[in-house]
C-alpha atoms as a PDB file:
ATOM      1  CA  UNK A   1     -12.259 -16.356 -19.591  1.00  0.00           C
ATOM      2  CA  UNK A   2     -10.208 -19.454 -19.411  1.00  0.00           C
ATOM      3  CA  UNK A   3      -9.822 -20.892 -17.120  1.00  0.00           C
ATOM      4  CA  UNK A   4      -5.920 -20.680 -17.261  1.00  0.00           C
ATOM      5  CA  UNK A   5      -6.866 -17.044 -15.957  1.00  0.00           C
ATOM      6  CA  UNK A   6      -8.662 -18.014 -13.067  1.00  0.00           C
ATOM      7  CA  UNK A   7      -5.737 -20.092 -11.588  1.00  0.00           C
ATOM      8  CA  UNK A   8      -3.220 -17.945 -12.899  1.00  0.00           C
ATOM      9  CA  UNK A   9      -1.601 -16.762  -9.244  1.00  0.00           C
ATOM     10  CA  UNK A  10       1.664 -15.122 -10.231  1.00  0.00           C
ATOM     11  CA  UNK A  11       2.389 -11.679  -8.405  1.00  0.00           C
ATOM     12  CA  UNK A  12       5.572 -12.250  -7.262  1.00  0.00           C
ATOM     13  CA  UNK A  13       6.491  -8.525  -8.059  1.00  0.00           C
ATOM     14  CA  UNK A  14       3.534  -7.075  -6.268  1.00  0.00           C
ATOM     15  CA  UNK A  15       4.298  -6.507  -2.855  1.00  0.00           C
ATOM     16  CA  UNK A  16       1.351  -5.002  -0.039  1.00  0.00           C
ATOM     17  CA  UNK A  17       3.837  -3.204   3.113  1.00  0.00           C
ATOM     18  CA  UNK A  18       2.188  -3.133   6.325  1.00  0.00           C
ATOM     19  CA  UNK A  19       4.600  -0.260   7.568  1.00  0.00           C
ATOM     20  CA  UNK A  20       4.463   2.494   9.988  1.00  0.00           C
ATOM     21  CA  UNK A  21       6.403   4.850   8.269  1.00  0.00           C
ATOM     22  CA  UNK A  22       8.094   6.299   5.072  1.00  0.00           C
ATOM     23  CA  UNK A  23      10.282   8.417   5.216  1.00  0.00           C
ATOM     24  CA  UNK A  24      11.897  10.236   2.148  1.00  0.00           C
ATOM     25  CA  UNK A  25      15.247  12.106   1.584  1.00  0.00           C
ATOM     26  CA  UNK A  26      16.474  13.768  -1.454  1.00  0.00           C
ATOM     27  CA  UNK A  27      18.275  10.094  -2.746  1.00  0.00           C
ATOM     28  CA  UNK A  28      16.903   8.206   0.150  1.00  0.00           C
ATOM     29  CA  UNK A  29      13.085   5.671   0.220  1.00  0.00           C
ATOM     30  CA  UNK A  30      13.227   4.292   4.036  1.00  0.00           C
ATOM     31  CA  UNK A  31      10.416   2.011   5.339  1.00  0.00           C
ATOM     32  CA  UNK A  32      10.724  -1.174   7.712  1.00  0.00           C
ATOM     33  CA  UNK A  33      14.338  -2.952   6.857  1.00  0.00           C
ATOM     34  CA  UNK A  34      14.002  -1.893   3.477  1.00  0.00           C
ATOM     35  CA  UNK A  35      16.413   1.421   2.300  1.00  0.00           C
ATOM     36  CA  UNK A  36      16.124   2.325  -1.997  1.00  0.00           C
ATOM     37  CA  UNK A  37      17.523   4.947  -3.839  1.00  0.00           C
ATOM     38  CA  UNK A  38      15.006   7.579  -4.369  1.00  0.00           C
ATOM     39  CA  UNK A  39      16.836   7.460  -8.518  1.00  0.00           C
ATOM     40  CA  UNK A  40      15.684   3.598  -8.544  1.00  0.00           C
ATOM     41  CA  UNK A  41      11.789   4.470  -7.972  1.00  0.00           C
ATOM     42  CA  UNK A  42      10.009   5.495 -11.634  1.00  0.00           C
ATOM     43  CA  UNK A  43       6.798   5.875 -10.682  1.00  0.00           C
ATOM     44  CA  UNK A  44       4.049   7.196  -7.692  1.00  0.00           C
ATOM     45  CA  UNK A  45       0.644   6.873  -7.672  1.00  0.00           C
ATOM     46  CA  UNK A  46      -2.970   6.888  -5.175  1.00  0.00           C
ATOM     47  CA  UNK A  47      -4.309   3.492  -6.525  1.00  0.00           C
ATOM     48  CA  UNK A  48      -6.876   0.285  -5.900  1.00  0.00           C
ATOM     49  CA  UNK A  49      -4.885  -2.483  -3.784  1.00  0.00           C
ATOM     50  CA  UNK A  50      -6.411  -5.982  -5.589  1.00  0.00           C
ATOM     51  CA  UNK A  51      -8.742  -7.839  -3.857  1.00  0.00           C
ATOM     52  CA  UNK A  52      -7.295 -11.275  -1.590  1.00  0.00           C
ATOM     53  CA  UNK A  53      -7.570 -13.556  -5.236  1.00  0.00           C
ATOM     54  CA  UNK A  54     -10.298 -16.191  -5.320  1.00  0.00           C
ATOM     55  CA  UNK A  55      -9.575 -19.745  -3.645  1.00  0.00           C
ATOM     56  CA  UNK A  56     -11.232 -21.043  -7.032  1.00  0.00           C
ATOM     57  CA  UNK A  57      -9.640 -24.561  -6.787  1.00  0.00           C
ATOM     58  CA  UNK A  58     -10.961 -25.316  -3.407  1.00  0.00           C
ATOM     59  CA  UNK A  59     -14.285 -24.275  -3.441  1.00  0.00           C
ATOM     60  CA  UNK A  60     -15.110 -25.731  -7.312  1.00  0.00           C
ATOM     61  CA  UNK A  61     -13.737 -29.186  -4.642  1.00  0.00           C
ATOM     62  CA  UNK A  62     -16.330 -27.917  -1.749  1.00  0.00           C
ATOM     63  CA  UNK A  63     -19.224 -27.094  -4.086  1.00  0.00           C
ATOM     64  CA  UNK A  64     -18.089 -31.153  -5.956  1.00  0.00           C
ATOM     65  CA  UNK A  65     -17.706 -33.100  -3.062  1.00  0.00           C
ATOM     66  CA  UNK A  66     -20.977 -31.763  -0.850  1.00  0.00           C
ATOM     67  CA  UNK A  67     -22.707 -32.650  -4.301  1.00  0.00           C
ATOM     68  CA  UNK A  68     -21.612 -36.158  -4.203  1.00  0.00           C
ATOM     69  CA  UNK A  69     -21.918 -35.856  -0.272  1.00  0.00           C
ATOM     70  CA  UNK A  70     -25.388 -35.046   0.223  1.00  0.00           C
ATOM     71  CA  UNK A  71     -26.935 -37.866   0.229  1.00  0.00           C
ATOM     72  CA  UNK A  72     -24.695 -37.996   3.826  1.00  0.00           C
ATOM     73  CA  UNK A  73     -26.173 -35.058   4.972  1.00  0.00           C
ATOM     74  CA  UNK A  74     -22.844 -33.755   4.986  1.00  0.00           C
ATOM     75  CA  UNK A  75     -22.507 -31.651   1.477  1.00  0.00           C
ATOM     76  CA  UNK A  76     -24.942 -29.470   2.792  1.00  0.00           C
ATOM     77  CA  UNK A  77     -22.419 -27.947   5.438  1.00  0.00           C
ATOM     78  CA  UNK A  78     -19.678 -28.394   2.410  1.00  0.00           C
ATOM     79  CA  UNK A  79     -21.895 -26.272  -0.045  1.00  0.00           C
ATOM     80  CA  UNK A  80     -22.708 -23.978   2.735  1.00  0.00           C
ATOM     81  CA  UNK A  81     -19.016 -22.898   3.145  1.00  0.00           C
ATOM     82  CA  UNK A  82     -18.491 -22.974   0.664  1.00  0.00           C
ATOM     83  CA  UNK A  83     -21.338 -20.277  -0.935  1.00  0.00           C
ATOM     84  CA  UNK A  84     -20.172 -18.419   1.988  1.00  0.00           C
ATOM     85  CA  UNK A  85     -16.373 -18.012   0.367  1.00  0.00           C
ATOM     86  CA  UNK A  86     -18.448 -16.641  -3.089  1.00  0.00           C
ATOM     87  CA  UNK A  87     -20.315 -14.184  -1.047  1.00  0.00           C
ATOM     88  CA  UNK A  88     -17.378 -13.895   0.722  1.00  0.00           C
ATOM     89  CA  UNK A  89     -15.067 -13.361  -1.563  1.00  0.00           C
ATOM     90  CA  UNK A  90     -17.352 -10.482  -3.833  1.00  0.00           C
ATOM     91  CA  UNK A  91     -18.452  -8.520  -0.776  1.00  0.00           C
ATOM     92  CA  UNK A  92     -14.990  -7.164   0.403  1.00  0.00           C
ATOM     93  CA  UNK A  93     -14.603  -3.145   0.264  1.00  0.00           C
ATOM     94  CA  UNK A  94     -12.237  -1.552  -2.301  1.00  0.00           C
ATOM     95  CA  UNK A  95      -9.169  -0.603  -0.383  1.00  0.00           C
ATOM     96  CA  UNK A  96      -6.377   1.828  -1.724  1.00  0.00           C
ATOM     97  CA  UNK A  97      -3.498   2.542  -1.321  1.00  0.00           C
ATOM     98  CA  UNK A  98      -0.010   4.840  -1.541  1.00  0.00           C
ATOM     99  CA  UNK A  99       1.815   2.604  -5.075  1.00  0.00           C
ATOM    100  CA  UNK A 100       5.525   3.305  -5.466  1.00  0.00           C
ATOM    101  CA  UNK A 101       7.012   0.776  -8.283  1.00  0.00           C
ATOM    102  CA  UNK A 102      10.542   0.562  -8.689  1.00  0.00           C
ATOM    103  CA  UNK A 103      12.973   0.230 -11.922  1.00  0.00           C
ATOM    104  CA  UNK A 104      12.810  -3.649 -11.471  1.00  0.00           C
ATOM    105  CA  UNK A 105       8.934  -3.272 -12.132  1.00  0.00           C
ATOM    106  CA  UNK A 106       8.076  -4.262  -8.678  1.00  0.00           C
ATOM    107  CA  UNK A 107       5.164  -3.003  -7.135  1.00  0.00           C
ATOM    108  CA  UNK A 108       4.706  -2.097  -3.334  1.00  0.00           C
ATOM    109  CA  UNK A 109       1.372  -1.116  -1.562  1.00  0.00           C
ATOM    110  CA  UNK A 110       0.996   0.754   0.996  1.00  0.00           C
ATOM    111  CA  UNK A 111      -3.012   0.573   2.254  1.00  0.00           C
ATOM    112  CA  UNK A 112      -4.740   3.582   3.570  1.00  0.00           C
ATOM    113  CA  UNK A 113      -8.720   3.491   3.798  1.00  0.00           C
ATOM    114  CA  UNK A 114      -8.216   7.698   3.259  1.00  0.00           C
ATOM    115  CA  UNK A 115      -7.832   8.661   0.061  1.00  0.00           C
ATOM    116  CA  UNK A 116      -7.479  12.278   1.327  1.00  0.00           C
ATOM    117  CA  UNK A 117      -4.135  11.417   3.075  1.00  0.00           C
ATOM    118  CA  UNK A 118      -3.167   9.427  -0.336  1.00  0.00           C
ATOM    119  CA  UNK A 119      -3.929  12.133  -2.464  1.00  0.00           C
ATOM    120  CA  UNK A 120      -1.092  14.844   0.411  1.00  0.00           C
ATOM    121  CA  UNK A 121       1.290  11.738  -0.093  1.00  0.00           C
ATOM    122  CA  UNK A 122       1.271  12.465  -3.930  1.00  0.00           C
ATOM    123  CA  UNK A 123       1.430  16.160  -3.788  1.00  0.00           C
ATOM    124  CA  UNK A 124       4.728  16.529  -0.904  1.00  0.00           C
ATOM    125  CA  UNK A 125       6.726  13.424  -3.387  1.00  0.00           C
ATOM    126  CA  UNK A 126       5.941  16.122  -6.078  1.00  0.00           C
ATOM    127  CA  UNK A 127       8.029  18.761  -3.818  1.00  0.00           C
ATOM    128  CA  UNK A 128       9.949  15.990  -3.114  1.00  0.00           C
ATOM    129  CA  UNK A 129      10.998  14.857  -6.650  1.00  0.00           C
ATOM    130  CA  UNK A 130      10.873  19.289  -7.887  1.00  0.00           C
ATOM    131  CA  UNK A 131      13.521  20.273  -5.394  1.00  0.00           C
ATOM    132  CA  UNK A 132      11.434  22.749  -3.125  1.00  0.00           C
ATOM    133  CA  UNK A 133      11.969  20.132  -0.097  1.00  0.00           C
ATOM    134  CA  UNK A 134      14.292  18.250   1.958  1.00  0.00           C
ATOM    135  CA  UNK A 135      12.385  15.553   2.942  1.00  0.00           C
ATOM    136  CA  UNK A 136       8.932  13.542   3.872  1.00  0.00           C
ATOM    137  CA  UNK A 137       7.948  11.846   6.609  1.00  0.00           C
ATOM    138  CA  UNK A 138       4.554   9.661   6.124  1.00  0.00           C
ATOM    139  CA  UNK A 139       3.345   8.510   9.133  1.00  0.00           C
ATOM    140  CA  UNK A 140       0.461   6.000   8.325  1.00  0.00           C
ATOM    141  CA  UNK A 141      -0.449   5.346  12.305  1.00  0.00           C
ATOM    142  CA  UNK A 142      -2.029   8.911  12.348  1.00  0.00           C
ATOM    143  CA  UNK A 143      -2.366   9.365   8.398  1.00  0.00           C
ATOM    144  CA  UNK A 144      -0.218  12.717   8.759  1.00  0.00           C
ATOM    145  CA  UNK A 145       2.905  13.405   6.072  1.00  0.00           C
ATOM    146  CA  UNK A 146       5.316  15.857   7.280  1.00  0.00           C
ATOM    147  CA  UNK A 147       7.271  17.802   4.939  1.00  0.00           C
ATOM    148  CA  UNK A 148      11.486  19.068   5.982  1.00  0.00           C
ATOM    149  CA  UNK A 149      12.280  22.095   4.361  1.00  0.00           C
ATOM    150  CA  UNK A 150      15.448  23.865   4.235  1.00  0.00           C
ATOM    151  CA  UNK A 151      15.850  26.902   7.040  1.00  0.00           C
ATOM    152  CA  UNK A 152      15.102  30.167   5.684  1.00  0.00           C
ATOM    153  CA  UNK A 153      14.946  33.406   8.544  1.00  0.00           C
ATOM    154  CA  UNK A 154      16.358  33.729  11.452  1.00  0.00           C
ATOM    155  CA  UNK A 155      17.032  31.600  14.361  1.00  0.00           C
ATOM    156  CA  UNK A 156      16.902  32.978  17.837  1.00  0.00           C
ATOM    157  CA  UNK A 157      16.775  31.038  20.845  1.00  0.00           C
ATOM    158  CA  UNK A 158      16.206  33.965  24.773  1.00  0.00           C
ATOM    159  CA  UNK A 159      15.463  36.890  24.920  1.00  0.00           C
ATOM    160  CA  UNK A 160      19.598  38.175  23.688  1.00  0.00           C
ATOM    161  CA  UNK A 161      19.315  39.678  19.874  1.00  0.00           C
ATOM    162  CA  UNK A 162      23.014  38.667  20.270  1.00  0.00           C
ATOM    163  CA  UNK A 163      21.998  35.111  19.181  1.00  0.00           C
ATOM    164  CA  UNK A 164      20.538  35.359  15.993  1.00  0.00           C
ATOM    165  CA  UNK A 165      21.713  33.221  13.419  1.00  0.00           C
ATOM    166  CA  UNK A 166      20.790  34.631   9.679  1.00  0.00           C
ATOM    167  CA  UNK A 167      20.673  32.152   7.500  1.00  0.00           C
END
């Protein structure tokens, strides 16, 4: 692995959202303060969320400074902190998320540890894109997927059969 690969930090096209709700209709996708046309969505999937970046330069600097200051005694503290940073980076738990890909190449990730919930999101969106339903509301707080289907059947209020509406 080249040093360039270690220092590369360009993830400008990947966004991790902390949305509580996502609403999909036949034409739009809305979450937080963002609104996209559904035709600008090129795909969606359940995938792994990349781990936090490893602070290579900071750890190398701390190790070098710690080695240089080892005689003073403060170097042991710097080396210990660098060791803790290395350990915590490699023991990060793997996160999964619902990844929405747009025509622009931008990827928007919504994090959840519940893979079954993420699978339900993909299934509901498949039904939406196939035209079987009118919309989907996803609630990340209580991990629910609500499907909005067209109304078919008889709607009646009260006990009076005169109040029937036939669709």
